[in-house]
Amino acid sequence: MDMQLIELSDRAICIRLTGRLDASGAEQIDHRFMAATAAAEEERHAIVDLSAVTFLASMGIRLLIASARGLNRKGAMLVLFGAADLVQDVIDLAALDQIMPVVANQAQALERIGS
């Protein structure tokens, strides 16, 4: 699992994930992902690009939920976008859209956070 951070503004970052977000992949990025999202001191939204994620499993779901909840406590949002069909099916089955916004593309993600 690879993770790339892109600073969008002082209020938002984009996190681009590549690979399998399974137990191994989640473990590889866990600390960096949490530091970039829920561990941040200031209110800062995060949009997560899933377009290059080929597989999503329970540990990846746990990572996304923990980050979304941490951001929510600070008045910020985690927004997922760009999921391929297989990954979107898992997102739908896990009802992640009940916890965080899930949209089709980056423009919609930016619109959701008001950037």
PDB file of N, CA and C in Angstrom:
ATOM      1  N   MET A   1       0.855  -1.182   0.000  1.00  0.00           N
ATOM      2  CA  MET A   1       0.000   0.000   0.000  1.00  0.00           C
ATOM      3  C   MET A   1       0.885   1.224   0.000  1.00  0.00           C
ATOM      4  N   ASP A   2       0.598   2.132  -0.889  1.00  0.00           N
ATOM      5  CA  ASP A   2       1.320   3.394  -0.981  1.00  0.00           C
ATOM      6  C   ASP A   2       0.361   4.531  -0.665  1.00  0.00           C
ATOM      7  N   MET A   3       0.894   5.579  -0.036  1.00  0.00           N
ATOM      8  CA  MET A   3       0.083   6.722   0.343  1.00  0.00           C
ATOM      9  C   MET A   3       0.823   7.988  -0.036  1.00  0.00           C
ATOM     10  N   GLN A   4       0.132   8.879  -0.734  1.00  0.00           N
ATOM     11  CA  GLN A   4       0.711  10.157  -1.132  1.00  0.00           C
ATOM     12  C   GLN A   4      -0.168  11.268  -0.579  1.00  0.00           C
ATOM     13  N   LEU A   5       0.455  12.245   0.083  1.00  0.00           N
ATOM     14  CA  LEU A   5      -0.261  13.400   0.627  1.00  0.00           C
ATOM     15  C   LEU A   5      -0.111  14.582  -0.309  1.00  0.00           C
ATOM     16  N   ILE A   6      -1.209  15.258  -0.586  1.00  0.00           N
ATOM     17  CA  ILE A   6      -1.201  16.444  -1.427  1.00  0.00           C
ATOM     18  C   ILE A   6      -1.902  17.553  -0.653  1.00  0.00           C
ATOM     19  N   GLU A   7      -1.173  18.611  -0.362  1.00  0.00           N
ATOM     20  CA  GLU A   7      -1.744  19.760   0.344  1.00  0.00           C
ATOM     21  C   GLU A   7      -2.622  20.531  -0.634  1.00  0.00           C
ATOM     22  N   LEU A   8      -3.891  20.652  -0.331  1.00  0.00           N
ATOM     23  CA  LEU A   8      -4.809  21.382  -1.196  1.00  0.00           C
ATOM     24  C   LEU A   8      -4.949  22.825  -0.747  1.00  0.00           C
ATOM     25  N   SER A   9      -4.960  23.022   0.565  1.00  0.00           N
ATOM     26  CA  SER A   9      -5.071  24.358   1.158  1.00  0.00           C
ATOM     27  C   SER A   9      -4.719  24.215   2.631  1.00  0.00           C
ATOM     28  N   ASP A  10      -4.812  25.308   3.363  1.00  0.00           N
ATOM     29  CA  ASP A  10      -4.555  25.213   4.795  1.00  0.00           C
ATOM     30  C   ASP A  10      -5.695  24.502   5.522  1.00  0.00           C
ATOM     31  N   ARG A  11      -6.817  24.263   4.832  1.00  0.00           N
ATOM     32  CA  ARG A  11      -7.968  23.591   5.421  1.00  0.00           C
ATOM     33  C   ARG A  11      -8.241  22.204   4.861  1.00  0.00           C
ATOM     34  N   ALA A  12      -7.441  21.748   3.883  1.00  0.00           N
ATOM     35  CA  ALA A  12      -7.747  20.463   3.264  1.00  0.00           C
ATOM     36  C   ALA A  12      -6.512  19.786   2.685  1.00  0.00           C
ATOM     37  N   ILE A  13      -6.516  18.451   2.782  1.00  0.00           N
ATOM     38  CA  ILE A  13      -5.489  17.631   2.148  1.00  0.00           C
ATOM     39  C   ILE A  13      -6.180  16.551   1.320  1.00  0.00           C
ATOM     40  N   CYS A  14      -5.450  16.055   0.340  1.00  0.00           N
ATOM     41  CA  CYS A  14      -5.891  14.906  -0.440  1.00  0.00           C
ATOM     42  C   CYS A  14      -4.919  13.772  -0.144  1.00  0.00           C
ATOM     43  N   ILE A  15      -5.460  12.618   0.145  1.00  0.00           N
ATOM     44  CA  ILE A  15      -4.639  11.434   0.390  1.00  0.00           C
ATOM     45  C   ILE A  15      -4.920  10.456  -0.738  1.00  0.00           C
ATOM     46  N   ARG A  16      -3.895  10.165  -1.528  1.00  0.00           N
ATOM     47  CA  ARG A  16      -4.043   9.220  -2.639  1.00  0.00           C
ATOM     48  C   ARG A  16      -3.486   7.876  -2.201  1.00  0.00           C
ATOM     49  N   LEU A  17      -4.333   6.857  -2.234  1.00  0.00           N
ATOM     50  CA  LEU A  17      -3.939   5.518  -1.841  1.00  0.00           C
ATOM     51  C   LEU A  17      -3.797   4.640  -3.071  1.00  0.00           C
ATOM     52  N   THR A  18      -2.790   3.765  -3.039  1.00  0.00           N
ATOM     53  CA  THR A  18      -2.540   2.855  -4.144  1.00  0.00           C
ATOM     54  C   THR A  18      -2.259   1.467  -3.590  1.00  0.00           C
ATOM     55  N   GLY A  19      -2.981   0.467  -4.105  1.00  0.00           N
ATOM     56  CA  GLY A  19      -2.735  -0.911  -3.687  1.00  0.00           C
ATOM     57  C   GLY A  19      -3.930  -1.514  -2.975  1.00  0.00           C
ATOM     58  N   ARG A  20      -3.627  -2.514  -2.143  1.00  0.00           N
ATOM     59  CA  ARG A  20      -4.654  -3.250  -1.413  1.00  0.00           C
ATOM     60  C   ARG A  20      -4.789  -2.687  -0.005  1.00  0.00           C
ATOM     61  N   LEU A  21      -5.987  -2.268   0.348  1.00  0.00           N
ATOM     62  CA  LEU A  21      -6.241  -1.756   1.688  1.00  0.00           C
ATOM     63  C   LEU A  21      -6.832  -2.896   2.529  1.00  0.00           C
ATOM     64  N   ASP A  22      -5.989  -3.921   2.701  1.00  0.00           N
ATOM     65  CA  ASP A  22      -6.329  -5.068   3.530  1.00  0.00           C
ATOM     66  C   ASP A  22      -5.559  -4.945   4.841  1.00  0.00           C
ATOM     67  N   ALA A  23      -5.440  -6.014   5.621  1.00  0.00           N
ATOM     68  CA  ALA A  23      -4.754  -5.943   6.919  1.00  0.00           C
ATOM     69  C   ALA A  23      -3.315  -5.476   6.757  1.00  0.00           C
ATOM     70  N   SER A  24      -2.605  -6.022   5.802  1.00  0.00           N
ATOM     71  CA  SER A  24      -1.207  -5.646   5.577  1.00  0.00           C
ATOM     72  C   SER A  24      -1.085  -4.206   5.092  1.00  0.00           C
ATOM     73  N   GLY A  25      -1.917  -3.840   4.127  1.00  0.00           N
ATOM     74  CA  GLY A  25      -1.882  -2.479   3.592  1.00  0.00           C
ATOM     75  C   GLY A  25      -2.247  -1.442   4.631  1.00  0.00           C
ATOM     76  N   ALA A  26      -3.277  -1.723   5.438  1.00  0.00           N
ATOM     77  CA  ALA A  26      -3.685  -0.794   6.490  1.00  0.00           C
ATOM     78  C   ALA A  26      -2.566  -0.630   7.518  1.00  0.00           C
ATOM     79  N   GLU A  27      -1.908  -1.715   7.851  1.00  0.00           N
ATOM     80  CA  GLU A  27      -0.805  -1.641   8.815  1.00  0.00           C
ATOM     81  C   GLU A  27       0.346  -0.786   8.274  1.00  0.00           C
ATOM     82  N   GLN A  28       0.615  -0.886   6.985  1.00  0.00           N
ATOM     83  CA  GLN A  28       1.701  -0.123   6.373  1.00  0.00           C
ATOM     84  C   GLN A  28       1.482   1.380   6.436  1.00  0.00           C
ATOM     85  N   ILE A  29       0.239   1.820   6.347  1.00  0.00           N
ATOM     86  CA  ILE A  29      -0.023   3.264   6.302  1.00  0.00           C
ATOM     87  C   ILE A  29      -0.691   3.811   7.553  1.00  0.00           C
ATOM     88  N   ASP A  30      -1.026   2.958   8.500  1.00  0.00           N
ATOM     89  CA  ASP A  30      -1.834   3.353   9.658  1.00  0.00           C
ATOM     90  C   ASP A  30      -1.332   4.621  10.343  1.00  0.00           C
ATOM     91  N   HIS A  31      -0.090   4.661  10.775  1.00  0.00           N
ATOM     92  CA  HIS A  31       0.424   5.811  11.526  1.00  0.00           C
ATOM     93  C   HIS A  31       0.472   7.081  10.674  1.00  0.00           C
ATOM     94  N   ARG A  32       0.917   6.964   9.431  1.00  0.00           N
ATOM     95  CA  ARG A  32       0.975   8.133   8.554  1.00  0.00           C
ATOM     96  C   ARG A  32      -0.418   8.654   8.227  1.00  0.00           C
ATOM     97  N   PHE A  33      -1.348   7.736   7.983  1.00  0.00           N
ATOM     98  CA  PHE A  33      -2.714   8.125   7.649  1.00  0.00           C
ATOM     99  C   PHE A  33      -3.360   8.847   8.829  1.00  0.00           C
ATOM    100  N   MET A  34      -3.230   8.279  10.018  1.00  0.00           N
ATOM    101  CA  MET A  34      -3.811   8.898  11.211  1.00  0.00           C
ATOM    102  C   MET A  34      -3.151  10.247  11.500  1.00  0.00           C
ATOM    103  N   ALA A  35      -1.847  10.338  11.310  1.00  0.00           N
ATOM    104  CA  ALA A  35      -1.155  11.614  11.526  1.00  0.00           C
ATOM    105  C   ALA A  35      -1.645  12.669  10.547  1.00  0.00           C
ATOM    106  N   ALA A  36      -1.943  12.258   9.329  1.00  0.00           N
ATOM    107  CA  ALA A  36      -2.396  13.205   8.308  1.00  0.00           C
ATOM    108  C   ALA A  36      -3.862  13.609   8.500  1.00  0.00           C
ATOM    109  N   THR A  37      -4.612  12.811   9.249  1.00  0.00           N
ATOM    110  CA  THR A  37      -6.042  13.100   9.399  1.00  0.00           C
ATOM    111  C   THR A  37      -6.399  13.388  10.854  1.00  0.00           C
ATOM    112  N   ALA A  38      -6.811  12.393  11.564  1.00  0.00           N
ATOM    113  CA  ALA A  38      -7.385  12.577  12.903  1.00  0.00           C
ATOM    114  C   ALA A  38      -6.402  13.104  13.931  1.00  0.00           C
ATOM    115  N   ALA A  39      -5.125  12.908  13.743  1.00  0.00           N
ATOM    116  CA  ALA A  39      -4.150  13.371  14.733  1.00  0.00           C
ATOM    117  C   ALA A  39      -3.805  14.847  14.573  1.00  0.00           C
ATOM    118  N   ALA A  40      -4.254  15.455  13.495  1.00  0.00           N
ATOM    119  CA  ALA A  40      -3.945  16.870  13.269  1.00  0.00           C
ATOM    120  C   ALA A  40      -4.626  17.740  14.321  1.00  0.00           C
ATOM    121  N   GLU A  41      -3.946  18.783  14.741  1.00  0.00           N
ATOM    122  CA  GLU A  41      -4.470  19.679  15.776  1.00  0.00           C
ATOM    123  C   GLU A  41      -5.582  20.579  15.252  1.00  0.00           C
ATOM    124  N   GLU A  42      -5.423  21.126  14.086  1.00  0.00           N
ATOM    125  CA  GLU A  42      -6.394  22.091  13.562  1.00  0.00           C
ATOM    126  C   GLU A  42      -7.499  21.391  12.777  1.00  0.00           C
ATOM    127  N   GLU A  43      -8.597  22.105  12.571  1.00  0.00           N
ATOM    128  CA  GLU A  43      -9.680  21.604  11.745  1.00  0.00           C
ATOM    129  C   GLU A  43      -9.194  21.562  10.305  1.00  0.00           C
ATOM    130  N   ARG A  44      -9.051  20.374   9.771  1.00  0.00           N
ATOM    131  CA  ARG A  44      -8.546  20.207   8.414  1.00  0.00           C
ATOM    132  C   ARG A  44      -9.226  19.013   7.785  1.00  0.00           C
ATOM    133  N   HIS A  45      -9.949  19.261   6.707  1.00  0.00           N
ATOM    134  CA  HIS A  45     -10.662  18.208   6.009  1.00  0.00           C
ATOM    135  C   HIS A  45      -9.680  17.329   5.240  1.00  0.00           C
ATOM    136  N   ALA A  46     -10.095  16.089   4.992  1.00  0.00           N
ATOM    137  CA  ALA A  46      -9.290  15.175   4.183  1.00  0.00           C
ATOM    138  C   ALA A  46     -10.189  14.525   3.141  1.00  0.00           C
ATOM    139  N   ILE A  47      -9.738  14.562   1.900  1.00  0.00           N
ATOM    140  CA  ILE A  47     -10.418  13.812   0.850  1.00  0.00           C
ATOM    141  C   ILE A  47      -9.487  12.665   0.468  1.00  0.00           C
ATOM    142  N   VAL A  48     -10.062  11.479   0.309  1.00  0.00           N
ATOM    143  CA  VAL A  48      -9.264  10.271   0.083  1.00  0.00           C
ATOM    144  C   VAL A  48      -9.571   9.719  -1.298  1.00  0.00           C
ATOM    145  N   ASP A  49      -8.540   9.691  -2.144  1.00  0.00           N
ATOM    146  CA  ASP A  49      -8.640   9.187  -3.513  1.00  0.00           C
ATOM    147  C   ASP A  49      -8.437   7.675  -3.488  1.00  0.00           C
ATOM    148  N   LEU A  50      -9.505   6.944  -3.774  1.00  0.00           N
ATOM    149  CA  LEU A  50      -9.466   5.477  -3.780  1.00  0.00           C
ATOM    150  C   LEU A  50      -9.358   4.899  -5.187  1.00  0.00           C
ATOM    151  N   SER A  51      -9.112   5.728  -6.188  1.00  0.00           N
ATOM    152  CA  SER A  51      -9.139   5.260  -7.578  1.00  0.00           C
ATOM    153  C   SER A  51      -8.085   4.197  -7.881  1.00  0.00           C
ATOM    154  N   ALA A  52      -7.006   4.150  -7.130  1.00  0.00           N
ATOM    155  CA  ALA A  52      -5.966   3.145  -7.357  1.00  0.00           C
ATOM    156  C   ALA A  52      -5.966   2.060  -6.281  1.00  0.00           C
ATOM    157  N   VAL A  53      -7.018   2.002  -5.475  1.00  0.00           N
ATOM    158  CA  VAL A  53      -7.157   0.944  -4.473  1.00  0.00           C
ATOM    159  C   VAL A  53      -7.857  -0.231  -5.152  1.00  0.00           C
ATOM    160  N   THR A  54      -7.218  -1.403  -5.110  1.00  0.00           N
ATOM    161  CA  THR A  54      -7.735  -2.566  -5.817  1.00  0.00           C
ATOM    162  C   THR A  54      -8.556  -3.494  -4.933  1.00  0.00           C
ATOM    163  N   PHE A  55      -8.443  -3.314  -3.612  1.00  0.00           N
ATOM    164  CA  PHE A  55      -9.136  -4.209  -2.679  1.00  0.00           C
ATOM    165  C   PHE A  55      -9.317  -3.491  -1.354  1.00  0.00           C
ATOM    166  N   LEU A  56     -10.467  -3.645  -0.729  1.00  0.00           N
ATOM    167  CA  LEU A  56     -10.755  -3.036   0.567  1.00  0.00           C
ATOM    168  C   LEU A  56     -11.289  -4.110   1.492  1.00  0.00           C
ATOM    169  N   ALA A  57     -10.622  -4.287   2.647  1.00  0.00           N
ATOM    170  CA  ALA A  57     -11.031  -5.292   3.631  1.00  0.00           C
ATOM    171  C   ALA A  57     -11.313  -4.622   4.972  1.00  0.00           C
ATOM    172  N   SER A  58     -11.659  -5.412   5.952  1.00  0.00           N
ATOM    173  CA  SER A  58     -12.117  -4.895   7.241  1.00  0.00           C
ATOM    174  C   SER A  58     -11.117  -3.987   7.942  1.00  0.00           C
ATOM    175  N   MET A  59      -9.838  -4.283   7.886  1.00  0.00           N
ATOM    176  CA  MET A  59      -8.854  -3.422   8.550  1.00  0.00           C
ATOM    177  C   MET A  59      -8.740  -2.070   7.849  1.00  0.00           C
ATOM    178  N   GLY A  60      -8.915  -2.040   6.548  1.00  0.00           N
ATOM    179  CA  GLY A  60      -8.942  -0.779   5.821  1.00  0.00           C
ATOM    180  C   GLY A  60     -10.182   0.027   6.168  1.00  0.00           C
ATOM    181  N   ILE A  61     -11.309  -0.670   6.298  1.00  0.00           N
ATOM    182  CA  ILE A  61     -12.544  -0.009   6.706  1.00  0.00           C
ATOM    183  C   ILE A  61     -12.380   0.594   8.094  1.00  0.00           C
ATOM    184  N   ARG A  62     -11.772  -0.156   9.016  1.00  0.00           N
ATOM    185  CA  ARG A  62     -11.542   0.328  10.375  1.00  0.00           C
ATOM    186  C   ARG A  62     -10.702   1.588  10.370  1.00  0.00           C
ATOM    187  N   LEU A  63      -9.659   1.620   9.552  1.00  0.00           N
ATOM    188  CA  LEU A  63      -8.788   2.790   9.451  1.00  0.00           C
ATOM    189  C   LEU A  63      -9.575   4.015   8.961  1.00  0.00           C
ATOM    190  N   LEU A  64     -10.393   3.830   7.947  1.00  0.00           N
ATOM    191  CA  LEU A  64     -11.187   4.937   7.411  1.00  0.00           C
ATOM    192  C   LEU A  64     -12.195   5.451   8.436  1.00  0.00           C
ATOM    193  N   ILE A  65     -12.864   4.531   9.133  1.00  0.00           N
ATOM    194  CA  ILE A  65     -13.853   4.934  10.137  1.00  0.00           C
ATOM    195  C   ILE A  65     -13.189   5.667  11.298  1.00  0.00           C
ATOM    196  N   ALA A  66     -12.072   5.147  11.793  1.00  0.00           N
ATOM    197  CA  ALA A  66     -11.371   5.802  12.912  1.00  0.00           C
ATOM    198  C   ALA A  66     -10.943   7.213  12.527  1.00  0.00           C
ATOM    199  N   SER A  67     -10.447   7.381  11.314  1.00  0.00           N
ATOM    200  CA  SER A  67     -10.028   8.705  10.855  1.00  0.00           C
ATOM    201  C   SER A  67     -11.223   9.644  10.698  1.00  0.00           C
ATOM    202  N   ALA A  68     -12.309   9.139  10.124  1.00  0.00           N
ATOM    203  CA  ALA A  68     -13.513   9.956   9.943  1.00  0.00           C
ATOM    204  C   ALA A  68     -14.051  10.421  11.290  1.00  0.00           C
ATOM    205  N   ARG A  69     -14.083   9.537  12.263  1.00  0.00           N
ATOM    206  CA  ARG A  69     -14.584   9.911  13.590  1.00  0.00           C
ATOM    207  C   ARG A  69     -13.676  10.932  14.265  1.00  0.00           C
ATOM    208  N   GLY A  70     -12.365  10.746  14.131  1.00  0.00           N
ATOM    209  CA  GLY A  70     -11.430  11.706  14.708  1.00  0.00           C
ATOM    210  C   GLY A  70     -11.591  13.088  14.100  1.00  0.00           C
ATOM    211  N   LEU A  71     -11.744  13.147  12.797  1.00  0.00           N
ATOM    212  CA  LEU A  71     -11.950  14.432  12.128  1.00  0.00           C
ATOM    213  C   LEU A  71     -13.287  15.048  12.514  1.00  0.00           C
ATOM    214  N   ASN A  72     -14.302  14.218  12.598  1.00  0.00           N
ATOM    215  CA  ASN A  72     -15.630  14.703  12.951  1.00  0.00           C
ATOM    216  C   ASN A  72     -15.622  15.378  14.320  1.00  0.00           C
ATOM    217  N   ARG A  73     -14.887  14.816  15.278  1.00  0.00           N
ATOM    218  CA  ARG A  73     -14.791  15.413  16.610  1.00  0.00           C
ATOM    219  C   ARG A  73     -14.186  16.808  16.560  1.00  0.00           C
ATOM    220  N   LYS A  74     -13.422  17.095  15.521  1.00  0.00           N
ATOM    221  CA  LYS A  74     -12.774  18.405  15.375  1.00  0.00           C
ATOM    222  C   LYS A  74     -13.524  19.315  14.419  1.00  0.00           C
ATOM    223  N   GLY A  75     -14.687  18.882  13.981  1.00  0.00           N
ATOM    224  CA  GLY A  75     -15.474  19.703  13.071  1.00  0.00           C
ATOM    225  C   GLY A  75     -15.042  19.613  11.624  1.00  0.00           C
ATOM    226  N   ALA A  76     -14.292  18.575  11.281  1.00  0.00           N
ATOM    227  CA  ALA A  76     -13.817  18.391   9.906  1.00  0.00           C
ATOM    228  C   ALA A  76     -14.416  17.106   9.333  1.00  0.00           C
ATOM    229  N   MET A  77     -14.188  16.880   8.051  1.00  0.00           N
ATOM    230  CA  MET A  77     -14.750  15.729   7.347  1.00  0.00           C
ATOM    231  C   MET A  77     -13.679  14.915   6.651  1.00  0.00           C
ATOM    232  N   LEU A  78     -13.951  13.624   6.537  1.00  0.00           N
ATOM    233  CA  LEU A  78     -13.210  12.725   5.669  1.00  0.00           C
ATOM    234  C   LEU A  78     -14.174  12.353   4.551  1.00  0.00           C
ATOM    235  N   VAL A  79     -13.771  12.579   3.297  1.00  0.00           N
ATOM    236  CA  VAL A  79     -14.620  12.281   2.147  1.00  0.00           C
ATOM    237  C   VAL A  79     -13.880  11.294   1.252  1.00  0.00           C
ATOM    238  N   LEU A  80     -14.551  10.212   0.886  1.00  0.00           N
ATOM    239  CA  LEU A  80     -13.971   9.215  -0.026  1.00  0.00           C
ATOM    240  C   LEU A  80     -14.437   9.489  -1.444  1.00  0.00           C
ATOM    241  N   PHE A  81     -13.528   9.274  -2.408  1.00  0.00           N
ATOM    242  CA  PHE A  81     -13.941   9.430  -3.810  1.00  0.00           C
ATOM    243  C   PHE A  81     -13.151   8.521  -4.728  1.00  0.00           C
ATOM    244  N   GLY A  82     -13.728   8.256  -5.893  1.00  0.00           N
ATOM    245  CA  GLY A  82     -13.027   7.560  -6.969  1.00  0.00           C
ATOM    246  C   GLY A  82     -12.945   6.058  -6.858  1.00  0.00           C
ATOM    247  N   ALA A  83     -13.732   5.425  -6.010  1.00  0.00           N
ATOM    248  CA  ALA A  83     -13.624   3.975  -5.818  1.00  0.00           C
ATOM    249  C   ALA A  83     -14.040   3.208  -7.077  1.00  0.00           C
ATOM    250  N   ALA A  84     -13.236   2.207  -7.419  1.00  0.00           N
ATOM    251  CA  ALA A  84     -13.591   1.294  -8.513  1.00  0.00           C
ATOM    252  C   ALA A  84     -14.764   0.427  -8.062  1.00  0.00           C
ATOM    253  N   ASP A  85     -15.394  -0.261  -8.989  1.00  0.00           N
ATOM    254  CA  ASP A  85     -16.609  -1.021  -8.701  1.00  0.00           C
ATOM    255  C   ASP A  85     -16.454  -2.001  -7.540  1.00  0.00           C
ATOM    256  N   LEU A  86     -15.392  -2.793  -7.525  1.00  0.00           N
ATOM    257  CA  LEU A  86     -15.186  -3.785  -6.465  1.00  0.00           C
ATOM    258  C   LEU A  86     -15.067  -3.110  -5.102  1.00  0.00           C
ATOM    259  N   VAL A  87     -14.301  -2.045  -5.037  1.00  0.00           N
ATOM    260  CA  VAL A  87     -14.127  -1.305  -3.785  1.00  0.00           C
ATOM    261  C   VAL A  87     -15.423  -0.598  -3.411  1.00  0.00           C
ATOM    262  N   GLN A  88     -16.132  -0.041  -4.380  1.00  0.00           N
ATOM    263  CA  GLN A  88     -17.409   0.619  -4.101  1.00  0.00           C
ATOM    264  C   GLN A  88     -18.432  -0.367  -3.550  1.00  0.00           C
ATOM    265  N   ASP A  89     -18.406  -1.605  -4.049  1.00  0.00           N
ATOM    266  CA  ASP A  89     -19.311  -2.630  -3.525  1.00  0.00           C
ATOM    267  C   ASP A  89     -19.075  -2.864  -2.039  1.00  0.00           C
ATOM    268  N   VAL A  90     -17.816  -2.918  -1.622  1.00  0.00           N
ATOM    269  CA  VAL A  90     -17.477  -3.101  -0.207  1.00  0.00           C
ATOM    270  C   VAL A  90     -17.931  -1.881   0.600  1.00  0.00           C
ATOM    271  N   ILE A  91     -17.683  -0.691   0.074  1.00  0.00           N
ATOM    272  CA  ILE A  91     -18.132   0.544   0.742  1.00  0.00           C
ATOM    273  C   ILE A  91     -19.641   0.514   0.944  1.00  0.00           C
ATOM    274  N   ASP A  92     -20.376   0.076  -0.079  1.00  0.00           N
ATOM    275  CA  ASP A  92     -21.835   0.004   0.013  1.00  0.00           C
ATOM    276  C   ASP A  92     -22.281  -1.034   1.038  1.00  0.00           C
ATOM    277  N   LEU A  93     -21.652  -2.216   1.013  1.00  0.00           N
ATOM    278  CA  LEU A  93     -22.018  -3.274   1.960  1.00  0.00           C
ATOM    279  C   LEU A  93     -21.732  -2.866   3.406  1.00  0.00           C
ATOM    280  N   ALA A  94     -20.655  -2.127   3.618  1.00  0.00           N
ATOM    281  CA  ALA A  94     -20.290  -1.675   4.961  1.00  0.00           C
ATOM    282  C   ALA A  94     -21.045  -0.414   5.367  1.00  0.00           C
ATOM    283  N   ALA A  95     -21.830   0.130   4.450  1.00  0.00           N
ATOM    284  CA  ALA A  95     -22.613   1.357   4.686  1.00  0.00           C
ATOM    285  C   ALA A  95     -21.730   2.503   5.170  1.00  0.00           C
ATOM    286  N   LEU A  96     -20.553   2.637   4.573  1.00  0.00           N
ATOM    287  CA  LEU A  96     -19.641   3.716   4.968  1.00  0.00           C
ATOM    288  C   LEU A  96     -20.218   5.088   4.677  1.00  0.00           C
ATOM    289  N   ASP A  97     -21.128   5.163   3.716  1.00  0.00           N
ATOM    290  CA  ASP A  97     -21.733   6.461   3.412  1.00  0.00           C
ATOM    291  C   ASP A  97     -22.600   6.973   4.562  1.00  0.00           C
ATOM    292  N   GLN A  98     -22.891   6.133   5.542  1.00  0.00           N
ATOM    293  CA  GLN A  98     -23.614   6.561   6.740  1.00  0.00           C
ATOM    294  C   GLN A  98     -22.683   7.234   7.747  1.00  0.00           C
ATOM    295  N   ILE A  99     -21.367   7.043   7.559  1.00  0.00           N
ATOM    296  CA  ILE A  99     -20.362   7.576   8.486  1.00  0.00           C
ATOM    297  C   ILE A  99     -19.593   8.734   7.875  1.00  0.00           C
ATOM    298  N   MET A 100     -19.363   8.670   6.568  1.00  0.00           N
ATOM    299  CA  MET A 100     -18.598   9.696   5.865  1.00  0.00           C
ATOM    300  C   MET A 100     -19.145   9.845   4.453  1.00  0.00           C
ATOM    301  N   PRO A 101     -19.015  11.032   3.856  1.00  0.00           N
ATOM    302  CA  PRO A 101     -19.466  11.194   2.471  1.00  0.00           C
ATOM    303  C   PRO A 101     -18.642  10.332   1.509  1.00  0.00           C
ATOM    304  N   VAL A 102     -19.325   9.735   0.548  1.00  0.00           N
ATOM    305  CA  VAL A 102     -18.699   8.944  -0.507  1.00  0.00           C
ATOM    306  C   VAL A 102     -19.206   9.513  -1.822  1.00  0.00           C
ATOM    307  N   VAL A 103     -18.292  10.015  -2.652  1.00  0.00           N
ATOM    308  CA  VAL A 103     -18.670  10.654  -3.912  1.00  0.00           C
ATOM    309  C   VAL A 103     -17.865  10.055  -5.062  1.00  0.00           C
ATOM    310  N   ALA A 104     -18.226  10.432  -6.270  1.00  0.00           N
ATOM    311  CA  ALA A 104     -17.626   9.829  -7.465  1.00  0.00           C
ATOM    312  C   ALA A 104     -16.249  10.378  -7.820  1.00  0.00           C
ATOM    313  N   ASN A 105     -16.029  11.689  -7.618  1.00  0.00           N
ATOM    314  CA  ASN A 105     -14.776  12.270  -8.113  1.00  0.00           C
ATOM    315  C   ASN A 105     -14.255  13.369  -7.188  1.00  0.00           C
ATOM    316  N   GLN A 106     -13.064  13.860  -7.503  1.00  0.00           N
ATOM    317  CA  GLN A 106     -12.411  14.861  -6.664  1.00  0.00           C
ATOM    318  C   GLN A 106     -13.189  16.170  -6.620  1.00  0.00           C
ATOM    319  N   ALA A 107     -13.769  16.578  -7.725  1.00  0.00           N
ATOM    320  CA  ALA A 107     -14.545  17.827  -7.741  1.00  0.00           C
ATOM    321  C   ALA A 107     -15.713  17.748  -6.761  1.00  0.00           C
ATOM    322  N   GLN A 108     -16.397  16.623  -6.730  1.00  0.00           N
ATOM    323  CA  GLN A 108     -17.504  16.447  -5.797  1.00  0.00           C
ATOM    324  C   GLN A 108     -17.008  16.400  -4.353  1.00  0.00           C
ATOM    325  N   ALA A 109     -15.846  15.789  -4.134  1.00  0.00           N
ATOM    326  CA  ALA A 109     -15.263  15.738  -2.788  1.00  0.00           C
ATOM    327  C   ALA A 109     -14.935  17.143  -2.288  1.00  0.00           C
ATOM    328  N   LEU A 110     -14.339  17.955  -3.159  1.00  0.00           N
ATOM    329  CA  LEU A 110     -14.014  19.332  -2.788  1.00  0.00           C
ATOM    330  C   LEU A 110     -15.285  20.137  -2.518  1.00  0.00           C
ATOM    331  N   GLU A 111     -16.311  19.885  -3.287  1.00  0.00           N
ATOM    332  CA  GLU A 111     -17.589  20.564  -3.066  1.00  0.00           C
ATOM    333  C   GLU A 111     -18.167  20.194  -1.692  1.00  0.00           C
ATOM    334  N   ARG A 112     -18.050  18.935  -1.308  1.00  0.00           N
ATOM    335  CA  ARG A 112     -18.586  18.493  -0.016  1.00  0.00           C
ATOM    336  C   ARG A 112     -17.907  19.173   1.171  1.00  0.00           C
ATOM    337  N   ILE A 113     -16.601  19.461   1.032  1.00  0.00           N
ATOM    338  CA  ILE A 113     -15.899  20.092   2.151  1.00  0.00           C
ATOM    339  C   ILE A 113     -15.931  21.616   2.035  1.00  0.00           C
ATOM    340  N   GLY A 114     -16.501  22.108   0.948  1.00  0.00           N
ATOM    341  CA  GLY A 114     -16.621  23.551   0.783  1.00  0.00           C
ATOM    342  C   GLY A 114     -15.374  24.238   0.294  1.00  0.00           C
ATOM    343  N   SER A 115     -14.529  23.523  -0.442  1.00  0.00           N
ATOM    344  CA  SER A 115     -13.303  24.128  -1.000  1.00  0.00           C
ATOM    345  C   SER A 115     -13.463  24.427  -2.472  1.00  0.00           C
TER     346      SER A 115
END
